[in-house]
Amino acid sequence: MHYIIGTAFVVNRHANNWDSKFKLNTSYSLINISNVKEGVKYLFASRNDRVEMVFESCRQADGFIASHKREQLPNYESIYQRNTAL
């Protein structure tokens, strides 16, 4: 999990996985993460709106947030392999 509670982003159409539940050009903050039967539920809030999304994994949710923040996520598998190599 890369992004934590309090992470903020602005929703824009240029993101690879824009979801129509979000209002465009609006700032949202991640306010809750919880496990559900279907995966992981993330709750985002803006000043006047709340949006729940269920992702298959935290990695998928991180990808969603990273695309809106226009950030590239680190390759954690590569880092883990490098740090655990004998």
PDB file of N, CA and C in Angstrom:
ATOM      1  N   MET A   1       0.857  -1.176   0.000  1.00  0.00           N
ATOM      2  CA  MET A   1       0.000   0.000   0.000  1.00  0.00           C
ATOM      3  C   MET A   1       0.900   1.235   0.000  1.00  0.00           C
ATOM      4  N   HIS A   2       0.759   2.029  -1.030  1.00  0.00           N
ATOM      5  CA  HIS A   2       1.591   3.224  -1.175  1.00  0.00           C
ATOM      6  C   HIS A   2       0.893   4.460  -0.615  1.00  0.00           C
ATOM      7  N   TYR A   3      -0.381   4.614  -0.923  1.00  0.00           N
ATOM      8  CA  TYR A   3      -1.131   5.804  -0.492  1.00  0.00           C
ATOM      9  C   TYR A   3      -1.909   5.498   0.787  1.00  0.00           C
ATOM     10  N   ILE A   4      -1.916   6.454   1.688  1.00  0.00           N
ATOM     11  CA  ILE A   4      -2.521   6.275   3.001  1.00  0.00           C
ATOM     12  C   ILE A   4      -3.636   7.297   3.220  1.00  0.00           C
ATOM     13  N   ILE A   5      -4.339   7.134   4.335  1.00  0.00           N
ATOM     14  CA  ILE A   5      -5.396   8.070   4.720  1.00  0.00           C
ATOM     15  C   ILE A   5      -4.832   9.487   4.686  1.00  0.00           C
ATOM     16  N   GLY A   6      -5.594  10.395   4.106  1.00  0.00           N
ATOM     17  CA  GLY A   6      -5.167  11.783   3.999  1.00  0.00           C
ATOM     18  C   GLY A   6      -4.599  12.141   2.634  1.00  0.00           C
ATOM     19  N   THR A   7      -4.308  11.128   1.822  1.00  0.00           N
ATOM     20  CA  THR A   7      -3.806  11.396   0.470  1.00  0.00           C
ATOM     21  C   THR A   7      -4.869  12.152  -0.314  1.00  0.00           C
ATOM     22  N   ALA A   8      -4.462  13.205  -0.981  1.00  0.00           N
ATOM     23  CA  ALA A   8      -5.404  14.030  -1.752  1.00  0.00           C
ATOM     24  C   ALA A   8      -5.005  14.053  -3.221  1.00  0.00           C
ATOM     25  N   PHE A   9      -6.012  14.195  -4.075  1.00  0.00           N
ATOM     26  CA  PHE A   9      -5.784  14.302  -5.510  1.00  0.00           C
ATOM     27  C   PHE A   9      -6.940  15.052  -6.141  1.00  0.00           C
ATOM     28  N   VAL A  10      -6.704  15.603  -7.317  1.00  0.00           N
ATOM     29  CA  VAL A  10      -7.748  16.297  -8.066  1.00  0.00           C
ATOM     30  C   VAL A  10      -8.170  15.390  -9.211  1.00  0.00           C
ATOM     31  N   VAL A  11      -9.453  15.190  -9.353  1.00  0.00           N
ATOM     32  CA  VAL A  11      -9.975  14.322 -10.405  1.00  0.00           C
ATOM     33  C   VAL A  11      -9.945  15.061 -11.736  1.00  0.00           C
ATOM     34  N   ASN A  12      -9.358  14.393 -12.712  1.00  0.00           N
ATOM     35  CA  ASN A  12      -9.296  14.973 -14.056  1.00  0.00           C
ATOM     36  C   ASN A  12      -9.540  13.882 -15.093  1.00  0.00           C
ATOM     37  N   ARG A  13      -9.963  14.291 -16.257  1.00  0.00           N
ATOM     38  CA  ARG A  13     -10.276  13.357 -17.342  1.00  0.00           C
ATOM     39  C   ARG A  13      -9.033  12.712 -17.931  1.00  0.00           C
ATOM     40  N   HIS A  14      -7.893  13.281 -17.684  1.00  0.00           N
ATOM     41  CA  HIS A  14      -6.671  12.774 -18.291  1.00  0.00           C
ATOM     42  C   HIS A  14      -6.154  11.524 -17.609  1.00  0.00           C
ATOM     43  N   ALA A  15      -6.691  11.205 -16.456  1.00  0.00           N
ATOM     44  CA  ALA A  15      -6.260   9.991 -15.768  1.00  0.00           C
ATOM     45  C   ALA A  15      -6.700   8.773 -16.582  1.00  0.00           C
ATOM     46  N   ASN A  16      -5.901   7.731 -16.536  1.00  0.00           N
ATOM     47  CA  ASN A  16      -6.194   6.523 -17.310  1.00  0.00           C
ATOM     48  C   ASN A  16      -7.481   5.840 -16.885  1.00  0.00           C
ATOM     49  N   ASN A  17      -7.864   5.995 -15.649  1.00  0.00           N
ATOM     50  CA  ASN A  17      -9.017   5.263 -15.139  1.00  0.00           C
ATOM     51  C   ASN A  17      -9.996   6.179 -14.410  1.00  0.00           C
ATOM     52  N   TRP A  18     -10.320   7.296 -15.038  1.00  0.00           N
ATOM     53  CA  TRP A  18     -11.276   8.228 -14.460  1.00  0.00           C
ATOM     54  C   TRP A  18     -12.609   7.517 -14.259  1.00  0.00           C
ATOM     55  N   ASP A  19     -13.231   7.710 -13.127  1.00  0.00           N
ATOM     56  CA  ASP A  19     -14.509   7.091 -12.809  1.00  0.00           C
ATOM     57  C   ASP A  19     -15.567   8.180 -12.708  1.00  0.00           C
ATOM     58  N   SER A  20     -16.694   7.979 -13.369  1.00  0.00           N
ATOM     59  CA  SER A  20     -17.730   9.013 -13.434  1.00  0.00           C
ATOM     60  C   SER A  20     -18.412   9.289 -12.094  1.00  0.00           C
ATOM     61  N   LYS A  21     -18.123   8.508 -11.060  1.00  0.00           N
ATOM     62  CA  LYS A  21     -18.661   8.795  -9.729  1.00  0.00           C
ATOM     63  C   LYS A  21     -18.062  10.079  -9.158  1.00  0.00           C
ATOM     64  N   PHE A  22     -16.876  10.429  -9.648  1.00  0.00           N
ATOM     65  CA  PHE A  22     -16.169  11.604  -9.164  1.00  0.00           C
ATOM     66  C   PHE A  22     -16.541  12.830  -9.979  1.00  0.00           C
ATOM     67  N   LYS A  23     -16.567  13.969  -9.326  1.00  0.00           N
ATOM     68  CA  LYS A  23     -16.799  15.232 -10.015  1.00  0.00           C
ATOM     69  C   LYS A  23     -15.462  15.741 -10.548  1.00  0.00           C
ATOM     70  N   LEU A  24     -15.459  16.121 -11.807  1.00  0.00           N
ATOM     71  CA  LEU A  24     -14.223  16.593 -12.436  1.00  0.00           C
ATOM     72  C   LEU A  24     -13.698  17.865 -11.787  1.00  0.00           C
ATOM     73  N   ASN A  25     -12.384  18.019 -11.819  1.00  0.00           N
ATOM     74  CA  ASN A  25     -11.694  19.190 -11.279  1.00  0.00           C
ATOM     75  C   ASN A  25     -12.024  19.452  -9.809  1.00  0.00           C
ATOM     76  N   THR A  26     -12.260  18.371  -9.076  1.00  0.00           N
ATOM     77  CA  THR A  26     -12.588  18.454  -7.660  1.00  0.00           C
ATOM     78  C   THR A  26     -11.519  17.720  -6.867  1.00  0.00           C
ATOM     79  N   SER A  27     -11.129  18.293  -5.750  1.00  0.00           N
ATOM     80  CA  SER A  27     -10.138  17.673  -4.885  1.00  0.00           C
ATOM     81  C   SER A  27     -10.814  16.678  -3.940  1.00  0.00           C
ATOM     82  N   TYR A  28     -10.287  15.458  -3.906  1.00  0.00           N
ATOM     83  CA  TYR A  28     -10.776  14.409  -3.010  1.00  0.00           C
ATOM     84  C   TYR A  28      -9.640  13.965  -2.106  1.00  0.00           C
ATOM     85  N   SER A  29     -10.005  13.538  -0.902  1.00  0.00           N
ATOM     86  CA  SER A  29      -9.043  12.971   0.041  1.00  0.00           C
ATOM     87  C   SER A  29      -9.474  11.558   0.391  1.00  0.00           C
ATOM     88  N   LEU A  30      -8.513  10.695   0.579  1.00  0.00           N
ATOM     89  CA  LEU A  30      -8.773   9.337   1.027  1.00  0.00           C
ATOM     90  C   LEU A  30      -9.051   9.393   2.526  1.00  0.00           C
ATOM     91  N   ILE A  31     -10.244   8.942   2.934  1.00  0.00           N
ATOM     92  CA  ILE A  31     -10.590   9.057   4.356  1.00  0.00           C
ATOM     93  C   ILE A  31     -10.771   7.711   5.063  1.00  0.00           C
ATOM     94  N   ASN A  32     -10.879   6.607   4.293  1.00  0.00           N
ATOM     95  CA  ASN A  32     -11.028   5.308   4.944  1.00  0.00           C
ATOM     96  C   ASN A  32     -10.658   4.195   3.973  1.00  0.00           C
ATOM     97  N   ILE A  33     -10.057   3.138   4.514  1.00  0.00           N
ATOM     98  CA  ILE A  33      -9.735   1.926   3.763  1.00  0.00           C
ATOM     99  C   ILE A  33     -10.211   0.754   4.608  1.00  0.00           C
ATOM    100  N   SER A  34     -10.975  -0.159   3.998  1.00  0.00           N
ATOM    101  CA  SER A  34     -11.454  -1.319   4.750  1.00  0.00           C
ATOM    102  C   SER A  34     -11.537  -2.538   3.846  1.00  0.00           C
ATOM    103  N   ASN A  35     -11.359  -3.707   4.456  1.00  0.00           N
ATOM    104  CA  ASN A  35     -11.496  -4.965   3.728  1.00  0.00           C
ATOM    105  C   ASN A  35     -12.969  -5.304   3.592  1.00  0.00           C
ATOM    106  N   VAL A  36     -13.360  -5.755   2.420  1.00  0.00           N
ATOM    107  CA  VAL A  36     -14.713  -6.246   2.170  1.00  0.00           C
ATOM    108  C   VAL A  36     -14.580  -7.566   1.410  1.00  0.00           C
ATOM    109  N   LYS A  37     -15.664  -8.284   1.308  1.00  0.00           N
ATOM    110  CA  LYS A  37     -15.638  -9.589   0.643  1.00  0.00           C
ATOM    111  C   LYS A  37     -15.096  -9.497  -0.785  1.00  0.00           C
ATOM    112  N   GLU A  38     -15.436  -8.420  -1.475  1.00  0.00           N
ATOM    113  CA  GLU A  38     -15.046  -8.265  -2.875  1.00  0.00           C
ATOM    114  C   GLU A  38     -13.618  -7.770  -3.053  1.00  0.00           C
ATOM    115  N   GLY A  39     -12.983  -7.284  -1.994  1.00  0.00           N
ATOM    116  CA  GLY A  39     -11.626  -6.753  -2.100  1.00  0.00           C
ATOM    117  C   GLY A  39     -11.337  -5.731  -1.024  1.00  0.00           C
ATOM    118  N   VAL A  40     -10.994  -4.523  -1.460  1.00  0.00           N
ATOM    119  CA  VAL A  40     -10.657  -3.445  -0.530  1.00  0.00           C
ATOM    120  C   VAL A  40     -11.493  -2.220  -0.887  1.00  0.00           C
ATOM    121  N   LYS A  41     -12.205  -1.694   0.112  1.00  0.00           N
ATOM    122  CA  LYS A  41     -13.068  -0.531  -0.124  1.00  0.00           C
ATOM    123  C   LYS A  41     -12.347   0.736   0.307  1.00  0.00           C
ATOM    124  N   TYR A  42     -12.298   1.696  -0.599  1.00  0.00           N
ATOM    125  CA  TYR A  42     -11.702   3.003  -0.336  1.00  0.00           C
ATOM    126  C   TYR A  42     -12.816   4.035  -0.324  1.00  0.00           C
ATOM    127  N   LEU A  43     -12.777   4.918   0.661  1.00  0.00           N
ATOM    128  CA  LEU A  43     -13.752   6.001   0.753  1.00  0.00           C
ATOM    129  C   LEU A  43     -13.020   7.322   0.559  1.00  0.00           C
ATOM    130  N   PHE A  44     -13.486   8.069  -0.449  1.00  0.00           N
ATOM    131  CA  PHE A  44     -12.905   9.367  -0.785  1.00  0.00           C
ATOM    132  C   PHE A  44     -13.927  10.443  -0.485  1.00  0.00           C
ATOM    133  N   ALA A  45     -13.464  11.608  -0.036  1.00  0.00           N
ATOM    134  CA  ALA A  45     -14.379  12.708   0.266  1.00  0.00           C
ATOM    135  C   ALA A  45     -13.850  14.012  -0.298  1.00  0.00           C
ATOM    136  N   SER A  46     -14.788  14.792  -0.801  1.00  0.00           N
ATOM    137  CA  SER A  46     -14.487  16.171  -1.191  1.00  0.00           C
ATOM    138  C   SER A  46     -15.279  17.048  -0.229  1.00  0.00           C
ATOM    139  N   ARG A  47     -15.282  18.315  -0.482  1.00  0.00           N
ATOM    140  CA  ARG A  47     -16.032  19.224   0.385  1.00  0.00           C
ATOM    141  C   ARG A  47     -17.530  18.882   0.401  1.00  0.00           C
ATOM    142  N   ASN A  48     -18.080  18.481  -0.752  1.00  0.00           N
ATOM    143  CA  ASN A  48     -19.528  18.247  -0.863  1.00  0.00           C
ATOM    144  C   ASN A  48     -19.907  16.851  -1.331  1.00  0.00           C
ATOM    145  N   ASP A  49     -18.979  15.917  -1.326  1.00  0.00           N
ATOM    146  CA  ASP A  49     -19.252  14.631  -1.954  1.00  0.00           C
ATOM    147  C   ASP A  49     -18.452  13.524  -1.277  1.00  0.00           C
ATOM    148  N   ARG A  50     -18.986  12.308  -1.311  1.00  0.00           N
ATOM    149  CA  ARG A  50     -18.276  11.116  -0.853  1.00  0.00           C
ATOM    150  C   ARG A  50     -18.437  10.035  -1.909  1.00  0.00           C
ATOM    151  N   VAL A  51     -17.351   9.328  -2.162  1.00  0.00           N
ATOM    152  CA  VAL A  51     -17.375   8.276  -3.169  1.00  0.00           C
ATOM    153  C   VAL A  51     -16.718   7.029  -2.584  1.00  0.00           C
ATOM    154  N   GLU A  52     -17.434   5.897  -2.664  1.00  0.00           N
ATOM    155  CA  GLU A  52     -16.876   4.609  -2.270  1.00  0.00           C
ATOM    156  C   GLU A  52     -16.488   3.854  -3.524  1.00  0.00           C
ATOM    157  N   MET A  53     -15.329   3.227  -3.483  1.00  0.00           N
ATOM    158  CA  MET A  53     -14.892   2.379  -4.590  1.00  0.00           C
ATOM    159  C   MET A  53     -14.312   1.103  -4.014  1.00  0.00           C
ATOM    160  N   VAL A  54     -14.641  -0.018  -4.639  1.00  0.00           N
ATOM    161  CA  VAL A  54     -14.073  -1.299  -4.237  1.00  0.00           C
ATOM    162  C   VAL A  54     -13.060  -1.720  -5.300  1.00  0.00           C
ATOM    163  N   PHE A  55     -11.858  -2.006  -4.855  1.00  0.00           N
ATOM    164  CA  PHE A  55     -10.779  -2.437  -5.728  1.00  0.00           C
ATOM    165  C   PHE A  55     -10.455  -3.889  -5.411  1.00  0.00           C
ATOM    166  N   GLU A  56      -9.880  -4.588  -6.376  1.00  0.00           N
ATOM    167  CA  GLU A  56      -9.470  -5.968  -6.152  1.00  0.00           C
ATOM    168  C   GLU A  56      -8.346  -6.052  -5.121  1.00  0.00           C
ATOM    169  N   SER A  57      -7.498  -5.010  -5.095  1.00  0.00           N
ATOM    170  CA  SER A  57      -6.339  -5.010  -4.205  1.00  0.00           C
ATOM    171  C   SER A  57      -5.907  -3.576  -3.922  1.00  0.00           C
ATOM    172  N   CYS A  58      -5.047  -3.428  -2.925  1.00  0.00           N
ATOM    173  CA  CYS A  58      -4.472  -2.106  -2.644  1.00  0.00           C
ATOM    174  C   CYS A  58      -3.607  -1.649  -3.809  1.00  0.00           C
ATOM    175  N   ARG A  59      -2.961  -2.581  -4.484  1.00  0.00           N
ATOM    176  CA  ARG A  59      -2.131  -2.237  -5.645  1.00  0.00           C
ATOM    177  C   ARG A  59      -2.989  -1.602  -6.741  1.00  0.00           C
ATOM    178  N   GLN A  60      -4.175  -2.152  -6.977  1.00  0.00           N
ATOM    179  CA  GLN A  60      -5.066  -1.570  -7.987  1.00  0.00           C
ATOM    180  C   GLN A  60      -5.524  -0.174  -7.548  1.00  0.00           C
ATOM    181  N   ALA A  61      -5.843  -0.012  -6.271  1.00  0.00           N
ATOM    182  CA  ALA A  61      -6.251   1.297  -5.750  1.00  0.00           C
ATOM    183  C   ALA A  61      -5.105   2.299  -5.874  1.00  0.00           C
ATOM    184  N   ASP A  62      -3.892   1.860  -5.566  1.00  0.00           N
ATOM    185  CA  ASP A  62      -2.727   2.738  -5.706  1.00  0.00           C
ATOM    186  C   ASP A  62      -2.585   3.212  -7.147  1.00  0.00           C
ATOM    187  N   GLY A  63      -2.810   2.324  -8.100  1.00  0.00           N
ATOM    188  CA  GLY A  63      -2.729   2.702  -9.509  1.00  0.00           C
ATOM    189  C   GLY A  63      -3.764   3.750  -9.876  1.00  0.00           C
ATOM    190  N   PHE A  64      -4.966   3.605  -9.327  1.00  0.00           N
ATOM    191  CA  PHE A  64      -6.031   4.575  -9.567  1.00  0.00           C
ATOM    192  C   PHE A  64      -5.630   5.956  -9.046  1.00  0.00           C
ATOM    193  N   ILE A  65      -5.155   5.989  -7.813  1.00  0.00           N
ATOM    194  CA  ILE A  65      -4.771   7.262  -7.199  1.00  0.00           C
ATOM    195  C   ILE A  65      -3.560   7.862  -7.920  1.00  0.00           C
ATOM    196  N   ALA A  66      -2.568   7.027  -8.217  1.00  0.00           N
ATOM    197  CA  ALA A  66      -1.350   7.510  -8.890  1.00  0.00           C
ATOM    198  C   ALA A  66      -1.679   8.157 -10.228  1.00  0.00           C
ATOM    199  N   SER A  67      -2.643   7.596 -10.957  1.00  0.00           N
ATOM    200  CA  SER A  67      -2.974   8.178 -12.261  1.00  0.00           C
ATOM    201  C   SER A  67      -3.580   9.567 -12.105  1.00  0.00           C
ATOM    202  N   HIS A  68      -4.351   9.778 -11.042  1.00  0.00           N
ATOM    203  CA  HIS A  68      -4.927  11.103 -10.805  1.00  0.00           C
ATOM    204  C   HIS A  68      -3.888  12.089 -10.273  1.00  0.00           C
ATOM    205  N   LYS A  69      -2.910  11.584  -9.542  1.00  0.00           N
ATOM    206  CA  LYS A  69      -1.850  12.447  -9.024  1.00  0.00           C
ATOM    207  C   LYS A  69      -0.742  12.640 -10.069  1.00  0.00           C
ATOM    208  N   ARG A  70      -0.864  11.920 -11.175  1.00  0.00           N
ATOM    209  CA  ARG A  70       0.151  11.935 -12.237  1.00  0.00           C
ATOM    210  C   ARG A  70       1.519  11.566 -11.672  1.00  0.00           C
ATOM    211  N   GLU A  71       1.506  10.487 -10.908  1.00  0.00           N
ATOM    212  CA  GLU A  71       2.722   9.961 -10.305  1.00  0.00           C
ATOM    213  C   GLU A  71       2.967   8.543 -10.808  1.00  0.00           C
ATOM    214  N   GLN A  72       4.220   8.137 -10.751  1.00  0.00           N
ATOM    215  CA  GLN A  72       4.578   6.772 -11.086  1.00  0.00           C
ATOM    216  C   GLN A  72       4.915   6.054  -9.789  1.00  0.00           C
ATOM    217  N   LEU A  73       4.327   4.888  -9.589  1.00  0.00           N
ATOM    218  CA  LEU A  73       4.581   4.125  -8.374  1.00  0.00           C
ATOM    219  C   LEU A  73       5.923   3.412  -8.450  1.00  0.00           C
ATOM    220  N   PRO A  74       6.608   3.267  -7.322  1.00  0.00           N
ATOM    221  CA  PRO A  74       7.853   2.498  -7.310  1.00  0.00           C
ATOM    222  C   PRO A  74       7.565   1.033  -7.637  1.00  0.00           C
ATOM    223  N   ASN A  75       8.553   0.332  -8.143  1.00  0.00           N
ATOM    224  CA  ASN A  75       8.428  -1.096  -8.400  1.00  0.00           C
ATOM    225  C   ASN A  75       8.810  -1.812  -7.102  1.00  0.00           C
ATOM    226  N   TYR A  76       7.832  -2.043  -6.236  1.00  0.00           N
ATOM    227  CA  TYR A  76       8.104  -2.618  -4.931  1.00  0.00           C
ATOM    228  C   TYR A  76       8.615  -4.054  -5.013  1.00  0.00           C
ATOM    229  N   GLU A  77       8.186  -4.818  -6.010  1.00  0.00           N
ATOM    230  CA  GLU A  77       8.668  -6.192  -6.157  1.00  0.00           C
ATOM    231  C   GLU A  77      10.168  -6.204  -6.418  1.00  0.00           C
ATOM    232  N   SER A  78      10.623  -5.311  -7.273  1.00  0.00           N
ATOM    233  CA  SER A  78      12.049  -5.215  -7.580  1.00  0.00           C
ATOM    234  C   SER A  78      12.835  -4.809  -6.330  1.00  0.00           C
ATOM    235  N   ILE A  79      12.324  -3.854  -5.589  1.00  0.00           N
ATOM    236  CA  ILE A  79      12.990  -3.398  -4.363  1.00  0.00           C
ATOM    237  C   ILE A  79      13.067  -4.537  -3.345  1.00  0.00           C
ATOM    238  N   TYR A  80      11.964  -5.275  -3.196  1.00  0.00           N
ATOM    239  CA  TYR A  80      11.927  -6.384  -2.254  1.00  0.00           C
ATOM    240  C   TYR A  80      12.951  -7.457  -2.645  1.00  0.00           C
ATOM    241  N   GLN A  81      12.970  -7.812  -3.935  1.00  0.00           N
ATOM    242  CA  GLN A  81      13.914  -8.828  -4.402  1.00  0.00           C
ATOM    243  C   GLN A  81      15.360  -8.384  -4.170  1.00  0.00           C
ATOM    244  N   ARG A  82      15.628  -7.141  -4.451  1.00  0.00           N
ATOM    245  CA  ARG A  82      16.987  -6.607  -4.266  1.00  0.00           C
ATOM    246  C   ARG A  82      17.393  -6.637  -2.794  1.00  0.00           C
ATOM    247  N   ASN A  83      16.451  -6.322  -1.909  1.00  0.00           N
ATOM    248  CA  ASN A  83      16.770  -6.254  -0.484  1.00  0.00           C
ATOM    249  C   ASN A  83      16.800  -7.609   0.209  1.00  0.00           C
ATOM    250  N   THR A  84      16.251  -8.637  -0.430  1.00  0.00           N
ATOM    251  CA  THR A  84      16.240  -9.961   0.196  1.00  0.00           C
ATOM    252  C   THR A  84      17.199 -10.929  -0.474  1.00  0.00           C
ATOM    253  N   ALA A  85      17.899 -10.481  -1.501  1.00  0.00           N
ATOM    254  CA  ALA A  85      18.863 -11.342  -2.201  1.00  0.00           C
ATOM    255  C   ALA A  85      20.026 -11.656  -1.267  1.00  0.00           C
ATOM    256  N   LEU A  86      20.494 -12.891  -1.346  1.00  0.00           N
ATOM    257  CA  LEU A  86      21.634 -13.286  -0.499  1.00  0.00           C
ATOM    258  C   LEU A  86      22.942 -12.888  -1.098  1.00  0.00           C
TER     259      LEU A  86
END
